[in-house]
Amino acid sequence: MIERLQRIATVLSPARSILVVLTILSIAVVILSVIENPLLGTDQWLIPGVAAALWCLVLYSLSFLFLDIPPKPDSSMGWRRRFSVRLRRSGLWVLGALFIVLSLALIALTYQLLRVFFM
């Protein structure tokens, strides 16, 4: 599982700056919608702005957290090194499971937000 997340992170890592820019733009759209700025006459872009900001943040965190996964320990390593690698990999497994749960929750939230947006 964490190897697959690492592959996704390596694909996303060149696009980190684009994700940061999109996040900033999405948050700016949300803020302009909330304060009723004349640039955005209504709050029609509030829901897509929130969804886009959340997805950009999730993709950025994926590209940052799972980029450097330690390789599986082998028997030639010392016991301290193997323990350290196993500890880090188990922490990344827990983080990966939480990340997948977060992604599923974000899919459900995006579905509900877009359903309300198009009504």
Protein backbone atom coordinates (compact mmCIF):
# COMPACT_ATOMS: atom_id res chain seq x y z
CA MET A 1 0.00 0.00 0.00
CA ILE A 2 2.66 2.52 0.93
CA GLU A 3 4.63 1.64 -2.21
CA ARG A 4 1.59 2.56 -4.31
CA LEU A 5 1.22 5.81 -2.41
CA GLN A 6 4.91 6.45 -3.05
CA ARG A 7 4.41 5.96 -6.80
CA ILE A 8 1.52 8.43 -6.74
CA ALA A 9 3.63 10.85 -4.71
CA THR A 10 6.49 10.69 -7.21
CA VAL A 11 4.07 11.51 -10.02
CA LEU A 12 2.62 14.43 -8.05
CA SER A 13 5.90 15.84 -6.73
CA PRO A 14 6.72 17.93 -9.85
CA ALA A 15 3.27 19.54 -9.57
CA ARG A 16 3.66 20.74 -5.97
CA SER A 17 4.02 24.39 -6.91
CA ILE A 18 0.94 24.17 -9.11
CA LEU A 19 -1.00 22.61 -6.21
CA VAL A 20 0.09 25.43 -3.90
CA VAL A 21 -1.01 28.07 -6.41
CA LEU A 22 -4.36 26.33 -6.94
CA THR A 23 -4.87 26.08 -3.19
CA ILE A 24 -4.18 29.78 -2.73
CA LEU A 25 -6.55 30.67 -5.57
CA SER A 26 -9.27 28.41 -4.18
CA ILE A 27 -8.94 29.91 -0.71
CA ALA A 28 -9.04 33.39 -2.25
CA VAL A 29 -12.28 32.49 -4.05
CA VAL A 30 -13.75 31.21 -0.78
CA ILE A 31 -12.74 34.34 1.10
CA LEU A 32 -14.07 36.63 -1.63
CA SER A 33 -17.35 34.70 -1.63
CA VAL A 34 -17.71 34.91 2.13
CA ILE A 35 -17.02 38.64 2.47
CA GLU A 36 -19.36 39.43 -0.44
CA ASN A 37 -16.81 41.14 -2.61
CA PRO A 38 -18.17 42.91 -5.72
CA LEU A 39 -15.83 40.80 -7.90
CA LEU A 40 -17.96 37.79 -7.07
CA GLY A 41 -21.52 39.04 -6.94
CA THR A 42 -22.95 35.97 -5.26
CA ASP A 43 -21.64 33.05 -3.29
CA GLN A 44 -22.05 30.64 -6.19
CA TRP A 45 -18.33 29.81 -6.23
CA LEU A 46 -18.09 29.06 -2.51
CA ILE A 47 -18.79 25.32 -2.74
CA PRO A 48 -16.45 24.61 -5.69
CA GLY A 49 -13.78 26.74 -3.99
CA VAL A 50 -13.99 24.71 -0.79
CA ALA A 51 -13.89 21.41 -2.69
CA ALA A 52 -10.94 22.51 -4.84
CA ALA A 53 -8.98 23.78 -1.82
CA LEU A 54 -9.53 20.52 0.06
CA TRP A 55 -8.47 18.37 -2.90
CA CYS A 56 -5.38 20.47 -3.55
CA LEU A 57 -4.38 20.21 0.11
CA VAL A 58 -4.88 16.44 0.10
CA LEU A 59 -2.86 15.99 -3.08
CA TYR A 60 -0.08 18.24 -1.78
CA SER A 61 0.10 16.32 1.48
CA LEU A 62 0.21 13.04 -0.46
CA SER A 63 3.10 14.31 -2.58
CA PHE A 64 4.95 15.45 0.53
CA LEU A 65 4.34 12.64 3.03
CA PHE A 66 4.87 9.54 0.93
CA LEU A 67 7.77 10.61 -1.27
CA ASP A 68 10.55 8.99 0.80
CA ILE A 69 9.54 5.51 1.91
CA PRO A 70 12.39 3.48 3.44
CA PRO A 71 13.09 0.17 1.67
CA LYS A 72 12.11 -3.09 3.30
CA PRO A 73 14.68 -4.24 5.86
CA ASP A 74 16.86 -7.19 4.97
CA SER A 75 18.88 -9.58 7.10
CA SER A 76 22.21 -7.90 6.30
CA MET A 77 21.23 -4.83 8.36
CA GLY A 78 21.94 -4.62 12.05
CA TRP A 79 19.07 -5.18 14.44
CA ARG A 80 18.85 -1.47 15.34
CA ARG A 81 18.66 -0.44 11.73
CA ARG A 82 16.02 -3.10 10.96
CA PHE A 83 13.99 -2.01 13.99
CA SER A 84 14.24 1.62 12.93
CA VAL A 85 13.14 0.84 9.37
CA ARG A 86 10.26 -1.35 10.58
CA LEU A 87 9.15 1.35 12.99
CA ARG A 88 9.16 4.02 10.28
CA ARG A 89 7.40 1.75 7.79
CA SER A 90 4.72 0.81 10.34
CA GLY A 91 4.15 4.49 11.07
CA LEU A 92 3.78 5.12 7.35
CA TRP A 93 1.33 2.21 7.10
CA VAL A 94 -0.84 3.80 9.78
CA LEU A 95 -0.52 7.18 8.08
CA GLY A 96 -1.39 5.59 4.73
CA ALA A 97 -4.50 3.93 6.16
CA LEU A 98 -5.59 7.25 7.67
CA PHE A 99 -4.88 8.96 4.37
CA ILE A 100 -7.07 6.49 2.49
CA VAL A 101 -9.89 7.01 5.00
CA LEU A 102 -9.46 10.77 4.60
CA SER A 103 -9.61 10.43 0.82
CA LEU A 104 -12.79 8.37 0.98
CA ALA A 105 -14.37 10.92 3.31
CA LEU A 106 -13.33 13.70 0.94
CA ILE A 107 -14.90 11.84 -1.99
CA ALA A 108 -18.17 11.60 -0.05
CA LEU A 109 -17.96 15.27 0.97
CA THR A 110 -17.23 16.36 -2.60
CA TYR A 111 -20.18 14.34 -3.86
CA GLN A 112 -22.51 15.97 -1.34
CA LEU A 113 -21.14 19.46 -2.01
CA LEU A 114 -21.49 19.09 -5.76
CA ARG A 115 -24.98 17.67 -5.36
CA VAL A 116 -25.98 20.78 -3.39
CA PHE A 117 -24.14 23.04 -5.85
CA PHE A 118 -26.02 21.72 -8.88
CA MET A 119 -29.47 21.83 -7.22
